[in-house]
Structure formats: C-alpha cells, structure tokens
Amino acid sequence: MGSMPLPVHRITHIHPMLLGLTGGVATGKSTFDGLLRARHSFVHFDADACVHELLAGDAGIVAEITRQFGSGVRHPAGGIDRGKLRAIVFPDSQARARLEKILHPAVRERWQSLRRTCLETDKDLLCNIPLLFETSAEDFFDLTVVVAASADRQRARMASRGLDEAMIEAVLASQWPMEEKVLHASLVVWNDGTREALDRQARATLARLFP
C-alpha cells in the first residue's frame, strides 16, 4: 500500500490483514484498539506500551538516555522517569529528535518481527502506532485507520489527565496535524462523541474489513 487511501473495493478480502492504527494524542486510539480486539482475534502490538517497557527495563536504552539527558531522568525505582523525560523533550524538537533516534529503531524492530510472524502464520495483525505516518511506517500495512477528534476535544482530554497548557500545546505540535493524518488514512474514525458511538464505528470497521 502507498501513502494514499485505498479505493473502497480494495479494502475487503485481505488475508492476513496487517492493520495499522494511529491518530492524534487523546483521540481515543487505545479505546478503539480495545473495541476492535474485543470482537476479532488480532496479534497485537502497542507502541506506547513497548516504549514503557524499554524505558523501564532495557539496560542499553536506559543507559543511552541517561547519557543523553542526564541522571535527572532516572526513576528512583529503576529505569527512566517518563514524566521528567517528557518535560525535557516535548518542548524541545532537537531533544525529541535525539530521543526518537534512540527509541524508534527498537520499537520498529518489535512490530516488524510480529509482522513477519503474522505473514508466516497467516494471522491478522493490529499495530497501534501513534507516530505511524511520522515514522513512514504506513507502507508496511495493508490498511491504516486514523482515530480523529477535534483539537478542542483533544485539549480537554489532555487537561483532564493533568497536563498544563504549555505541555498540551507541545505535545500537539510534536505530531502531524490531524488533517494531514486523515488525508493519508485508508479509514477514518471520528471520536468526538460517546464510547457507544465509538463502539458502533468499531463494529462497522470490522464488518468492512472482515465481511
């Protein structure tokens, strides 16, 4: 698949299905991810969870991040303190690029290994990758689904998680604009409403993909 949306007639009858799920921060990607997996058996990968594992327990990555950003980012219990690291890298694009150079290759190797296994074993794969387009990963998937929401709704959700205004704007600025992600998607799910509305869209998406 290229970077432009697939024609409708090409969306169905792909097996195994290699599905890339993405969207903006606080658009409901993880919720939609869970709704899909509740109704279909996917091999699953979550890039955020992978990063958390790497920051907590990968000795090589922890050592390199400490070298790059100082011992102040270490967590007393071990690993990297994600909150302290986030405060450094999100407002500073150069610092964020240094961190991504450390993390992205390790994350990519994890999901590419799963992808190879799914192709060999004929199993459907769902990869939840927030920076899917930003890291040029879309060509590795048959289809991409973008979970979108209005900027106001994103800001409100982030504020409810305790992020201040400056951090909210820095996080939003670190990702592609929502309009750009939507243009590159095979399918778009809009999540400005209720969980029930999102669940209906999950069921409709699966009906389209697995008729």
Protein backbone atom coordinates (compact mmCIF):
# COMPACT_ATOMS: atom_id res chain seq x y z
CA MET A 1 0.00 0.00 0.00
CA GLY A 2 1.16 3.54 -0.71
CA SER A 3 0.52 6.59 1.41
CA MET A 4 -2.86 7.47 -0.11
CA PRO A 5 -6.16 5.88 0.99
CA LEU A 6 -7.15 2.65 -0.73
CA PRO A 7 -10.20 2.57 -3.00
CA VAL A 8 -13.23 1.11 -1.24
CA HIS A 9 -13.25 -2.02 -3.41
CA ARG A 10 -9.73 -2.90 -2.21
CA ILE A 11 -10.46 -2.62 1.50
CA THR A 12 -12.06 -6.05 1.92
CA HIS A 13 -10.80 -9.61 1.36
CA ILE A 14 -7.21 -9.05 2.52
CA HIS A 15 -5.80 -12.02 4.44
CA PRO A 16 -3.89 -11.98 6.62
CA MET A 17 -4.86 -8.41 7.47
CA LEU A 18 -1.99 -6.15 8.52
CA LEU A 19 -3.74 -3.17 10.12
CA GLY A 20 -2.00 -0.01 11.29
CA LEU A 21 -3.94 2.06 13.83
CA THR A 22 -2.98 5.65 14.54
CA GLY A 23 -4.38 9.10 15.28
CA GLY A 24 -3.64 12.14 17.38
CA VAL A 25 -2.89 12.35 21.08
CA ALA A 26 -6.03 11.88 23.21
CA THR A 27 -8.24 10.93 20.28
CA GLY A 28 -9.20 7.55 21.72
CA LYS A 29 -6.82 5.24 19.86
CA SER A 30 -6.40 2.85 22.78
CA THR A 31 -10.14 2.67 23.40
CA PHE A 32 -10.83 1.94 19.74
CA ASP A 33 -7.98 -0.58 19.73
CA GLY A 34 -9.63 -2.43 22.61
CA LEU A 35 -13.03 -2.39 20.92
CA LEU A 36 -11.56 -3.96 17.77
CA ARG A 37 -9.73 -6.65 19.72
CA ALA A 38 -12.82 -7.50 21.76
CA ARG A 39 -14.53 -8.63 18.56
CA HIS A 40 -11.71 -10.04 16.42
CA SER A 41 -8.65 -12.14 17.14
CA PHE A 42 -5.63 -9.99 16.27
CA VAL A 43 -1.98 -10.45 17.05
CA HIS A 44 -1.44 -7.12 18.80
CA PHE A 45 1.28 -4.52 19.20
CA ASP A 46 1.08 -1.26 21.16
CA ALA A 47 3.93 1.16 20.52
CA ASP A 48 3.31 3.17 23.69
CA ALA A 49 3.39 0.01 25.83
CA CYS A 50 6.59 -1.03 24.05
CA VAL A 51 8.20 2.33 24.86
CA HIS A 52 7.17 1.97 28.50
CA GLU A 53 8.82 -1.45 28.62
CA LEU A 54 12.01 -0.14 27.02
CA LEU A 55 12.22 2.82 29.39
CA ALA A 56 11.63 0.60 32.40
CA GLY A 57 13.80 -2.36 31.64
CA ASP A 58 16.08 -2.16 28.60
CA ALA A 59 19.53 -1.58 30.09
CA GLY A 60 21.08 -0.34 26.85
CA ILE A 61 18.34 2.19 26.15
CA VAL A 62 18.20 3.36 29.77
CA ALA A 63 21.96 3.91 29.72
CA GLU A 64 21.88 5.83 26.43
CA ILE A 65 19.00 8.06 27.53
CA THR A 66 20.82 8.77 30.79
CA ARG A 67 23.95 9.67 28.81
CA GLN A 68 21.98 11.96 26.50
CA PHE A 69 19.69 13.65 29.04
CA GLY A 70 21.43 13.30 32.40
CA SER A 71 20.88 11.28 35.55
CA GLY A 72 17.94 13.51 36.50
CA VAL A 73 15.68 11.49 34.17
CA ARG A 74 16.30 8.26 36.09
CA HIS A 75 13.47 6.88 38.23
CA PRO A 76 14.35 6.05 41.86
CA ALA A 77 12.86 2.59 41.39
CA GLY A 78 14.90 2.00 38.23
CA GLY A 79 14.58 2.83 34.57
CA ILE A 80 13.56 6.23 33.22
CA ASP A 81 11.03 8.60 34.75
CA ARG A 82 8.69 9.22 31.81
CA GLY A 83 7.28 12.44 33.28
CA LYS A 84 10.72 14.01 33.69
CA LEU A 85 11.78 12.88 30.23
CA ARG A 86 8.58 14.22 28.67
CA ALA A 87 9.14 17.62 30.30
CA ILE A 88 12.52 17.80 28.56
CA VAL A 89 11.76 16.51 25.09
CA PHE A 90 8.29 17.75 24.16
CA PRO A 91 9.10 21.48 24.33
CA ASP A 92 12.43 20.94 22.50
CA SER A 93 12.29 19.48 18.99
CA GLN A 94 16.03 18.75 18.94
CA ALA A 95 15.86 16.87 22.24
CA ARG A 96 12.82 14.97 20.98
CA ALA A 97 14.71 14.00 17.82
CA ARG A 98 17.60 12.66 19.92
CA LEU A 99 15.19 10.56 21.97
CA GLU A 100 13.42 9.25 18.88
CA LYS A 101 16.76 8.21 17.39
CA ILE A 102 17.25 6.00 20.45
CA LEU A 103 13.73 4.58 20.74
CA HIS A 104 12.30 4.28 17.23
CA PRO A 105 14.64 1.57 15.89
CA ALA A 106 13.91 -0.68 18.87
CA VAL A 107 10.15 -0.13 18.61
CA ARG A 108 10.17 -0.74 14.86
CA GLU A 109 12.09 -3.99 15.21
CA ARG A 110 9.46 -5.26 17.67
CA TRP A 111 6.47 -4.70 15.40
CA GLN A 112 8.28 -5.73 12.24
CA SER A 113 9.14 -9.03 13.90
CA LEU A 114 5.46 -9.55 14.71
CA ARG A 115 4.55 -8.60 11.15
CA ARG A 116 6.90 -11.22 9.74
CA THR A 117 5.45 -13.84 12.08
CA CYS A 118 1.88 -12.98 11.07
CA LEU A 119 2.70 -13.28 7.38
CA GLU A 120 4.31 -16.68 8.02
CA THR A 121 1.47 -17.98 10.21
CA ASP A 122 -1.47 -16.37 8.35
CA LYS A 123 -2.68 -14.33 11.35
CA ASP A 124 -4.22 -10.86 11.38
CA LEU A 125 -2.10 -8.11 12.94
CA LEU A 126 -3.19 -4.89 14.65
CA CYS A 127 -0.44 -2.37 15.43
CA ASN A 128 -1.29 0.73 17.46
CA ILE A 129 1.43 3.21 16.48
CA PRO A 130 0.80 6.89 17.36
CA LEU A 131 3.61 8.10 15.06
CA LEU A 132 2.83 5.69 12.24
CA PHE A 133 2.86 8.32 9.49
CA GLU A 134 5.56 10.43 11.11
CA THR A 135 7.91 7.41 11.03
CA SER A 136 6.95 6.41 7.45
CA ALA A 137 5.63 3.04 8.62
CA GLU A 138 2.39 3.02 6.61
CA ASP A 139 3.79 1.06 3.67
CA PHE A 140 4.25 -1.99 5.92
CA PHE A 141 0.48 -2.31 6.43
CA ASP A 142 -2.41 -3.25 4.18
CA LEU A 143 -4.61 -0.55 5.68
CA THR A 144 -4.31 2.36 8.08
CA VAL A 145 -7.09 3.51 10.41
CA VAL A 146 -6.93 7.01 11.89
CA VAL A 147 -8.89 7.77 15.06
CA ALA A 148 -9.55 11.50 14.86
CA ALA A 149 -11.05 14.13 17.16
CA SER A 150 -11.35 17.90 17.23
CA ALA A 151 -8.45 19.87 18.69
CA ASP A 152 -10.72 21.24 21.42
CA ARG A 153 -11.66 17.71 22.47
CA GLN A 154 -8.02 16.64 22.45
CA ARG A 155 -7.05 19.58 24.66
CA ALA A 156 -9.89 18.90 27.09
CA ARG A 157 -8.93 15.23 27.41
CA MET A 158 -5.27 16.06 28.00
CA ALA A 159 -6.17 18.70 30.59
CA SER A 160 -8.27 16.09 32.41
CA ARG A 161 -5.10 13.97 32.65
CA GLY A 162 -3.28 16.75 34.47
CA LEU A 163 -1.22 18.26 31.63
CA ASP A 164 -0.80 22.02 31.74
CA GLU A 165 -1.47 24.27 28.74
CA ALA A 166 2.17 24.57 27.69
CA MET A 167 2.67 20.80 27.71
CA ILE A 168 -0.60 20.24 25.83
CA GLU A 169 0.48 22.56 23.03
CA ALA A 170 3.96 20.99 22.92
CA VAL A 171 2.53 17.50 22.62
CA LEU A 172 0.12 18.56 19.86
CA ALA A 173 2.97 20.25 17.98
CA SER A 174 5.05 17.06 18.11
CA GLN A 175 2.63 15.18 15.83
CA TRP A 176 1.32 15.71 12.33
CA PRO A 177 -1.82 17.89 12.14
CA MET A 178 -4.99 15.82 12.31
CA GLU A 179 -6.00 16.95 8.83
CA GLU A 180 -2.78 15.52 7.40
CA LYS A 181 -3.27 12.15 9.10
CA VAL A 182 -6.84 11.94 7.84
CA LEU A 183 -5.67 12.55 4.26
CA HIS A 184 -3.27 9.61 4.50
CA ALA A 185 -5.71 7.16 6.11
CA SER A 186 -7.46 4.21 4.48
CA LEU A 187 -10.29 4.57 7.00
CA VAL A 188 -11.15 7.38 9.44
CA VAL A 189 -12.98 7.00 12.75
CA TRP A 190 -14.29 10.17 14.40
CA ASN A 191 -14.29 10.21 18.20
CA ASP A 192 -15.81 13.42 19.49
CA GLY A 193 -18.81 11.58 20.92
CA THR A 194 -19.61 8.77 23.33
CA ARG A 195 -18.00 5.38 23.82
CA GLU A 196 -21.17 3.86 22.40
CA ALA A 197 -20.71 5.85 19.18
CA LEU A 198 -17.09 4.70 19.00
CA ASP A 199 -18.19 1.10 19.55
CA ARG A 200 -20.62 1.36 16.64
CA GLN A 201 -17.76 2.54 14.45
CA ALA A 202 -15.60 -0.36 15.63
CA ARG A 203 -18.30 -2.83 14.63
CA ALA A 204 -18.73 -1.10 11.27
CA THR A 205 -14.97 -1.15 10.66
CA LEU A 206 -14.73 -4.88 11.34
CA ALA A 207 -17.75 -5.55 9.14
CA ARG A 208 -15.97 -3.73 6.32
CA LEU A 209 -12.65 -5.49 6.86
CA PHE A 210 -13.98 -8.99 7.52
CA PRO A 211 -17.29 -9.35 5.65
